[in-house]
């Protein structure tokens, strides 16, 4: 089968990536994609590379990376061959003319009438036409409109959505999807209630992120790596309370600039890290913490597998389904309150053998059951089953 895997990137990550690599936007599509993969941010090439490893074709598209998308057009010229009506060309021309006030103010209304913006998605349509994938896997369900997807649906065999924990609009049009996969049980239930086939499919870890990295001294006693945005209010409150109890705690991640000036997190914040830099922190952590934020009570984020895969001891918030993934108390530790978390940190910092034993057990479990190679074998089985239905 041929998979086209569609995703978006954080704008801050993209800005920093291209600022650090002057001239990158002029490089070939393949080179820009290689550099993007090499950051190992998000799921990088974990899906596509492991799909290829199990015998399928796979390509990634970052639809909001306009620099990379424009180079694809130059190299393949596919958009030139698209048959587009005079009306479509008029809309495109009007869309570009943002200096005219009437057009600038009309753009939101035009978007609501005609669906997705835009250059990124117009190029994506050309890529679908060019590649004719069997499976279009949309990992940006909150960014690519369902009405727009209906236009490309005749050119793919199976249109699959993937979404985790953040809420999607209940009134959204999801009828274009043949299947949705999610690591978050409430998301699976959300789509099943709407009559759309949905299957639980967990996140994972790619051991290859460790290959070029030398053995690190675990010089950070306690770390937290994660977002500190407004949607993580309970996480911020938890970390602020923990700062008073755990002087060793150090924190990385986006959002610190939005914290109250009086927040104790500002004094513990070490900067923003993406991909490889994040893995470096985890490889240097004795204990790393996890907190799922303001979501339903299910263990479901990448940090579960990134932390254990990197060999740090994971101390995560207790969730009812955590036992489905790890042996709690032997492979990972779980807290229920801030005080509970602080006490467990102190115990495992004071008992190095216990900490190392748990970290090794957690890594062994992740390598055995939670790699992206395993996840892609599962995904292929899910897709085959849906195609045969």
Protein backbone atom coordinates (compact mmCIF):
# COMPACT_ATOMS: atom_id res chain seq x y z
CA UNK A 1 0.00 0.00 0.00
CA UNK A 2 0.98 3.62 -0.47
CA UNK A 3 0.49 5.98 2.49
CA UNK A 4 0.46 9.78 2.35
CA UNK A 5 0.90 11.04 5.91
CA UNK A 6 -0.24 14.65 6.38
CA UNK A 7 0.70 16.74 9.38
CA UNK A 8 1.33 20.32 10.52
CA UNK A 9 4.12 21.80 12.63
CA UNK A 10 4.06 24.37 15.42
CA UNK A 11 4.79 27.79 13.95
CA UNK A 12 7.41 28.47 16.65
CA UNK A 13 9.23 25.25 15.76
CA UNK A 14 9.20 26.12 12.04
CA UNK A 15 10.45 29.65 12.65
CA UNK A 16 13.33 28.40 14.78
CA UNK A 17 14.19 25.59 12.37
CA UNK A 18 14.56 27.89 9.36
CA UNK A 19 16.27 30.62 11.39
CA UNK A 20 18.94 28.12 12.49
CA UNK A 21 19.48 26.91 8.92
CA UNK A 22 19.97 29.94 6.64
CA UNK A 23 19.15 29.07 3.05
CA UNK A 24 17.18 25.95 3.96
CA UNK A 25 14.07 27.25 2.22
CA UNK A 26 16.01 27.23 -1.08
CA UNK A 27 17.08 23.61 -0.73
CA UNK A 28 15.34 20.73 -2.50
CA UNK A 29 12.14 19.23 -1.15
CA UNK A 30 14.02 16.04 -0.25
CA UNK A 31 16.71 17.97 1.61
CA UNK A 32 14.22 20.08 3.56
CA UNK A 33 12.32 16.92 4.47
CA UNK A 34 15.56 15.23 5.54
CA UNK A 35 16.45 18.18 7.79
CA UNK A 36 12.93 18.16 9.24
CA UNK A 37 13.18 14.43 9.95
CA UNK A 38 16.61 14.88 11.54
CA UNK A 39 15.16 17.17 14.23
CA UNK A 40 13.15 14.16 15.50
CA UNK A 41 10.47 16.57 16.67
CA UNK A 42 6.98 15.14 17.09
CA UNK A 43 6.64 11.89 15.17
CA UNK A 44 9.28 12.96 12.59
CA UNK A 45 9.56 10.06 10.13
CA UNK A 46 8.58 7.45 12.71
CA UNK A 47 5.42 6.51 10.80
CA UNK A 48 6.76 6.65 7.25
CA UNK A 49 10.11 4.97 7.91
CA UNK A 50 8.55 2.13 9.86
CA UNK A 51 5.78 1.68 7.31
CA UNK A 52 8.48 1.27 4.68
CA UNK A 53 10.26 -1.18 6.95
CA UNK A 54 7.17 -3.41 7.03
CA UNK A 55 6.82 -3.35 3.25
CA UNK A 56 4.77 -0.30 2.27
CA UNK A 57 5.36 3.03 0.54
CA UNK A 58 5.02 6.14 2.68
CA UNK A 59 5.62 9.88 2.32
CA UNK A 60 5.20 12.73 4.80
CA UNK A 61 3.75 16.15 3.95
CA UNK A 62 3.86 19.09 6.39
CA UNK A 63 1.04 21.08 4.90
CA UNK A 64 1.76 24.37 6.71
CA UNK A 65 5.48 24.31 5.84
CA UNK A 66 5.01 26.62 2.88
CA UNK A 67 8.73 26.85 2.10
CA UNK A 68 8.94 23.10 1.62
CA UNK A 69 5.60 22.92 -0.18
CA UNK A 70 6.59 25.62 -2.70
CA UNK A 71 9.79 23.78 -3.54
CA UNK A 72 7.77 20.63 -4.18
CA UNK A 73 5.74 22.55 -6.76
CA UNK A 74 8.90 23.82 -8.46
CA UNK A 75 10.33 20.32 -8.67
CA UNK A 76 7.24 18.43 -9.71
CA UNK A 77 5.21 21.16 -11.43
CA UNK A 78 2.06 19.22 -10.67
CA UNK A 79 -0.09 22.24 -9.97
CA UNK A 80 0.42 23.50 -13.51
CA UNK A 81 -1.33 20.47 -14.86
CA UNK A 82 -4.33 20.77 -12.61
CA UNK A 83 -7.48 21.69 -14.47
CA UNK A 84 -8.98 24.56 -12.58
CA UNK A 85 -11.99 26.67 -13.47
CA UNK A 86 -11.87 30.38 -14.17
CA UNK A 87 -13.86 30.87 -10.96
CA UNK A 88 -11.18 28.95 -8.98
CA UNK A 89 -8.44 31.10 -10.49
CA UNK A 90 -10.39 34.25 -9.63
CA UNK A 91 -10.72 33.16 -6.01
CA UNK A 92 -6.97 32.43 -5.89
CA UNK A 93 -6.14 35.86 -7.29
CA UNK A 94 -8.48 37.63 -4.87
CA UNK A 95 -7.05 35.60 -2.01
CA UNK A 96 -3.56 36.91 -2.76
CA UNK A 97 -4.60 40.58 -2.98
CA UNK A 98 -4.50 41.31 0.72
CA UNK A 99 -3.57 44.96 0.15
CA UNK A 100 -7.14 45.70 -0.90
CA UNK A 101 -9.16 46.39 2.27
CA UNK A 102 -12.34 44.79 0.99
CA UNK A 103 -10.46 41.57 0.21
CA UNK A 104 -8.59 41.62 3.51
CA UNK A 105 -11.84 41.86 5.47
CA UNK A 106 -13.63 39.36 3.24
CA UNK A 107 -11.03 36.61 3.63
CA UNK A 108 -12.59 35.02 6.75
CA UNK A 109 -15.95 34.92 4.98
CA UNK A 110 -14.34 33.48 1.83
CA UNK A 111 -12.69 30.81 3.94
CA UNK A 112 -16.05 29.85 5.43
CA UNK A 113 -17.65 29.71 1.98
CA UNK A 114 -14.94 27.90 0.07
CA UNK A 115 -13.29 25.84 2.80
CA UNK A 116 -9.58 25.48 3.37
CA UNK A 117 -7.14 28.42 2.48
CA UNK A 118 -5.03 28.20 0.81
CA UNK A 119 -1.67 27.65 -0.73
CA UNK A 120 -0.66 24.81 1.56
CA UNK A 121 -3.81 22.83 0.87
CA UNK A 122 -3.84 23.63 -2.84
CA UNK A 123 -0.36 22.13 -3.04
CA UNK A 124 -1.52 19.20 -0.93
CA UNK A 125 -4.28 18.54 -3.46
CA UNK A 126 -1.64 18.45 -6.19
CA UNK A 127 0.42 16.02 -4.12
CA UNK A 128 -2.57 13.73 -3.74
CA UNK A 129 -3.11 13.88 -7.49
CA UNK A 130 0.57 13.16 -8.09
CA UNK A 131 0.99 10.28 -5.61
CA UNK A 132 -2.51 8.76 -5.71
CA UNK A 133 -2.11 7.16 -2.27
CA UNK A 134 -4.09 4.15 -1.12
CA UNK A 135 -4.25 5.65 2.38
CA UNK A 136 -4.44 9.37 3.15
CA UNK A 137 -3.59 9.61 6.88
CA UNK A 138 -4.55 13.03 8.22
CA UNK A 139 -2.72 13.70 11.48
CA UNK A 140 -4.00 17.30 11.48
CA UNK A 141 -7.74 16.79 11.84
CA UNK A 142 -8.07 20.10 13.67
CA UNK A 143 -6.32 21.95 10.85
CA UNK A 144 -7.66 20.52 7.59
CA UNK A 145 -11.33 21.07 6.95
CA UNK A 146 -13.60 18.09 6.28
CA UNK A 147 -15.31 19.88 3.42
CA UNK A 148 -11.96 20.33 1.69
CA UNK A 149 -11.10 16.66 2.25
CA UNK A 150 -14.24 15.61 0.41
CA UNK A 151 -12.70 17.10 -2.72
CA UNK A 152 -9.67 14.80 -2.64
CA UNK A 153 -11.54 11.74 -1.38
CA UNK A 154 -12.18 10.26 -4.87
CA UNK A 155 -8.41 10.09 -5.37
CA UNK A 156 -7.66 7.89 -2.36
CA UNK A 157 -8.85 4.45 -1.38
CA UNK A 158 -9.12 5.13 2.34
CA UNK A 159 -9.30 8.48 4.13
CA UNK A 160 -8.08 8.02 7.70
CA UNK A 161 -8.02 10.62 10.46
CA UNK A 162 -5.79 10.54 13.52
CA UNK A 163 -6.40 12.65 16.60
CA UNK A 164 -5.54 12.38 20.28
CA UNK A 165 -6.91 14.21 23.30
CA UNK A 166 -7.83 17.81 22.48
CA UNK A 167 -11.51 18.32 21.82
CA UNK A 168 -12.78 18.61 18.27
CA UNK A 169 -15.95 20.62 17.53
CA UNK A 170 -19.00 18.43 18.03
CA UNK A 171 -20.70 20.11 15.06
CA UNK A 172 -17.76 19.45 12.72
CA UNK A 173 -18.27 17.60 9.44
CA UNK A 174 -16.34 14.34 9.75
CA UNK A 175 -18.38 12.36 7.25
CA UNK A 176 -15.47 12.30 4.80
CA UNK A 177 -13.52 9.87 7.00
CA UNK A 178 -13.58 6.15 6.36
CA UNK A 179 -11.75 5.50 9.62
CA UNK A 180 -10.34 7.36 12.62
CA UNK A 181 -7.52 6.08 14.83
CA UNK A 182 -6.72 7.58 18.21
CA UNK A 183 -4.61 6.87 21.27
CA UNK A 184 -7.30 8.46 23.45
CA UNK A 185 -10.36 6.34 24.34
CA UNK A 186 -12.80 9.31 24.56
CA UNK A 187 -11.82 10.36 21.02
CA UNK A 188 -12.54 6.83 19.78
CA UNK A 189 -15.94 6.98 21.50
CA UNK A 190 -16.62 10.48 20.08
CA UNK A 191 -16.35 9.23 16.50
CA UNK A 192 -18.12 5.95 17.15
CA UNK A 193 -21.11 7.91 18.45
CA UNK A 194 -21.14 9.75 15.14
CA UNK A 195 -21.23 6.47 13.24
CA UNK A 196 -17.64 6.72 11.99
CA UNK A 197 -15.46 3.60 12.42
CA UNK A 198 -12.84 4.40 15.07
CA UNK A 199 -10.12 2.25 16.62
CA UNK A 200 -7.74 2.69 19.55
CA UNK A 201 -4.17 2.98 18.29
CA UNK A 202 -1.53 4.04 20.79
CA UNK A 203 1.50 6.28 20.40
CA UNK A 204 4.98 4.83 20.70
CA UNK A 205 8.76 5.25 20.66
CA UNK A 206 11.36 4.93 17.93
CA UNK A 207 14.60 3.45 19.33
CA UNK A 208 16.56 4.92 16.41
CA UNK A 209 16.47 8.32 18.12
CA UNK A 210 19.08 6.93 20.51
CA UNK A 211 21.50 5.59 17.88
CA UNK A 212 23.71 8.66 17.31
CA UNK A 213 23.73 9.64 20.97
CA UNK A 214 26.56 8.74 23.33
CA UNK A 215 25.85 7.44 26.81
CA UNK A 216 24.97 10.44 28.97
CA UNK A 217 25.70 11.09 32.61
CA UNK A 218 22.33 11.42 34.30
CA UNK A 219 23.16 14.82 35.71
CA UNK A 220 19.58 16.11 36.12
CA UNK A 221 17.95 14.64 39.24
CA UNK A 222 14.36 15.62 38.32
CA UNK A 223 13.04 17.03 35.05
CA UNK A 224 9.81 17.99 33.37
CA UNK A 225 9.61 18.60 29.61
CA UNK A 226 6.29 19.82 28.22
CA UNK A 227 4.04 22.70 27.26
CA UNK A 228 2.94 25.36 29.72
CA UNK A 229 0.09 26.87 27.73
CA UNK A 230 -3.31 28.11 28.89
CA UNK A 231 -4.88 24.70 28.20
CA UNK A 232 -2.51 23.20 30.78
CA UNK A 233 -3.73 25.18 33.78
CA UNK A 234 -3.81 22.19 36.13
CA UNK A 235 -0.31 21.20 35.00
CA UNK A 236 1.03 24.67 35.77
CA UNK A 237 -0.59 24.67 39.22
CA UNK A 238 0.84 21.21 39.92
CA UNK A 239 4.34 22.27 38.89
CA UNK A 240 4.13 25.49 40.93
CA UNK A 241 3.24 23.51 44.06
CA UNK A 242 5.94 20.97 43.30
CA UNK A 243 8.60 23.67 43.05
CA UNK A 244 8.15 24.40 46.75
CA UNK A 245 8.66 20.73 47.61
CA UNK A 246 11.38 19.64 45.16
CA UNK A 247 14.31 22.07 44.84
CA UNK A 248 16.01 19.80 42.26
CA UNK A 249 13.20 20.19 39.70
CA UNK A 250 14.14 21.70 36.34
CA UNK A 251 11.63 22.47 33.56
CA UNK A 252 11.82 22.81 29.75
CA UNK A 253 9.14 23.60 27.19
CA UNK A 254 7.19 26.32 25.39
CA UNK A 255 4.85 28.73 27.16
CA UNK A 256 6.96 30.07 30.04
CA UNK A 257 6.81 33.59 28.60
CA UNK A 258 3.04 33.54 29.19
CA UNK A 259 3.31 32.67 32.89
CA UNK A 260 2.57 35.18 35.62
CA UNK A 261 5.68 37.15 36.51
CA UNK A 262 5.35 35.82 40.08
CA UNK A 263 5.25 32.16 39.01
CA UNK A 264 8.02 30.07 40.61
CA UNK A 265 8.26 28.18 37.31
CA UNK A 266 10.10 31.10 35.76
CA UNK A 267 13.06 30.46 38.05
CA UNK A 268 13.14 26.74 37.18
CA UNK A 269 12.57 27.10 33.46
CA UNK A 270 15.61 26.17 31.37
CA UNK A 271 14.35 26.98 27.89
CA UNK A 272 12.42 25.53 24.96
CA UNK A 273 13.58 22.24 23.47
CA UNK A 274 12.35 20.32 20.43
CA UNK A 275 13.05 16.78 19.30
CA UNK A 276 16.72 15.90 19.69
CA UNK A 277 17.23 18.49 22.43
CA UNK A 278 14.31 16.99 24.34
CA UNK A 279 15.77 13.48 24.03
CA UNK A 280 19.10 14.83 25.31
CA UNK A 281 17.33 16.10 28.43
CA UNK A 282 15.60 12.74 28.96
CA UNK A 283 18.88 10.87 28.48
CA UNK A 284 20.42 13.04 31.21
CA UNK A 285 17.47 12.67 33.61
CA UNK A 286 17.42 10.40 36.62
CA UNK A 287 13.68 10.93 37.14
CA UNK A 288 11.44 12.64 34.62
CA UNK A 289 7.89 13.69 35.40
CA UNK A 290 4.72 13.48 33.37
CA UNK A 291 1.39 15.26 33.78
CA UNK A 292 -1.47 14.91 31.33
CA UNK A 293 -3.07 18.29 31.97
CA UNK A 294 -6.75 19.10 31.78
CA UNK A 295 -8.02 15.99 29.99
CA UNK A 296 -10.15 13.00 30.87
CA UNK A 297 -8.53 10.42 33.21
CA UNK A 298 -6.59 8.36 30.66
CA UNK A 299 -2.86 7.90 30.25
CA UNK A 300 -2.21 9.15 26.74
CA UNK A 301 0.75 11.19 25.65
CA UNK A 302 4.07 10.75 23.89
CA UNK A 303 6.05 11.36 27.08
CA UNK A 304 5.06 7.95 28.47
CA UNK A 305 7.09 6.27 25.74
CA UNK A 306 9.74 8.93 25.09
CA UNK A 307 10.78 8.98 28.75
CA UNK A 308 10.86 5.23 29.28
CA UNK A 309 12.44 4.69 25.85
CA UNK A 310 15.25 7.08 26.77
CA UNK A 311 15.90 5.11 29.96
CA UNK A 312 14.80 7.72 32.50
CA UNK A 313 12.66 6.63 35.42
CA UNK A 314 9.16 7.84 34.65
CA UNK A 315 6.99 9.25 37.43
CA UNK A 316 3.59 9.98 35.89
CA UNK A 317 0.13 10.94 37.09
CA UNK A 318 -2.03 7.94 37.94
CA UNK A 319 -4.61 7.02 35.32
CA UNK A 320 -6.98 4.08 35.20
CA UNK A 321 -5.56 2.71 31.95
CA UNK A 322 -1.87 3.15 32.79
CA UNK A 323 -1.69 -0.50 33.83
CA UNK A 324 -2.67 -1.45 30.26
CA UNK A 325 0.68 -0.12 29.06
CA UNK A 326 3.08 -0.56 31.99
CA UNK A 327 3.42 -2.54 35.17
CA UNK A 328 2.86 0.30 37.64
CA UNK A 329 5.27 0.10 40.55
CA UNK A 330 7.79 -2.01 38.63
CA UNK A 331 8.21 -0.34 35.20
CA UNK A 332 6.93 3.15 36.00
CA UNK A 333 5.80 4.95 39.15
CA UNK A 334 2.50 6.83 39.47
CA UNK A 335 1.43 9.59 41.85
CA UNK A 336 -2.06 10.80 42.78
CA UNK A 337 -1.31 14.11 44.54
CA UNK A 338 1.44 16.72 44.57
CA UNK A 339 2.54 15.53 48.02
CA UNK A 340 2.56 11.93 46.82
CA UNK A 341 4.70 12.94 43.85
CA UNK A 342 7.20 14.81 46.03
CA UNK A 343 7.52 11.86 48.45
CA UNK A 344 8.15 9.43 45.58
CA UNK A 345 10.77 11.74 44.09
CA UNK A 346 12.59 11.86 47.40
CA UNK A 347 12.44 8.07 47.79
CA UNK A 348 13.81 7.32 44.34
CA UNK A 349 16.53 9.99 44.55
CA UNK A 350 17.65 8.47 47.86
CA UNK A 351 17.44 4.87 46.60
CA UNK A 352 19.48 4.75 43.42
CA UNK A 353 19.21 0.99 42.92
CA UNK A 354 15.41 1.11 43.04
CA UNK A 355 15.39 4.00 40.57
CA UNK A 356 17.75 2.33 38.11
CA UNK A 357 15.90 -0.97 38.32
CA UNK A 358 12.60 0.72 37.47
CA UNK A 359 14.14 2.75 34.66
CA UNK A 360 15.62 -0.39 33.06
CA UNK A 361 12.31 -2.23 33.39
CA UNK A 362 10.40 0.66 31.81
CA UNK A 363 12.80 0.86 28.89
CA UNK A 364 12.66 -2.91 28.34
CA UNK A 365 8.85 -2.79 28.25
CA UNK A 366 8.80 0.09 25.78
CA UNK A 367 11.32 -1.61 23.50
CA UNK A 368 9.28 -4.82 23.65
CA UNK A 369 5.72 -3.53 23.28
CA UNK A 370 5.62 0.15 22.36
CA UNK A 371 7.89 0.84 19.39
CA UNK A 372 6.70 2.53 16.22
CA UNK A 373 7.65 -0.57 14.25
CA UNK A 374 5.03 -2.46 16.25
CA UNK A 375 2.57 0.44 15.93
CA UNK A 376 2.90 0.48 12.13
CA UNK A 377 2.30 -3.27 11.93
CA UNK A 378 -0.84 -2.66 13.97
CA UNK A 379 -1.87 0.25 11.74
CA UNK A 380 -1.50 -1.83 8.58
CA UNK A 381 -3.71 -4.54 10.12
CA UNK A 382 -6.32 -1.93 11.10
CA UNK A 383 -6.32 -0.46 7.58
CA UNK A 384 -6.53 -3.85 5.89
CA UNK A 385 -9.47 -4.79 8.10
CA UNK A 386 -11.29 -1.56 7.26
CA UNK A 387 -10.64 -1.95 3.53
CA UNK A 388 -12.07 -5.44 3.65
CA UNK A 389 -15.21 -4.34 5.52
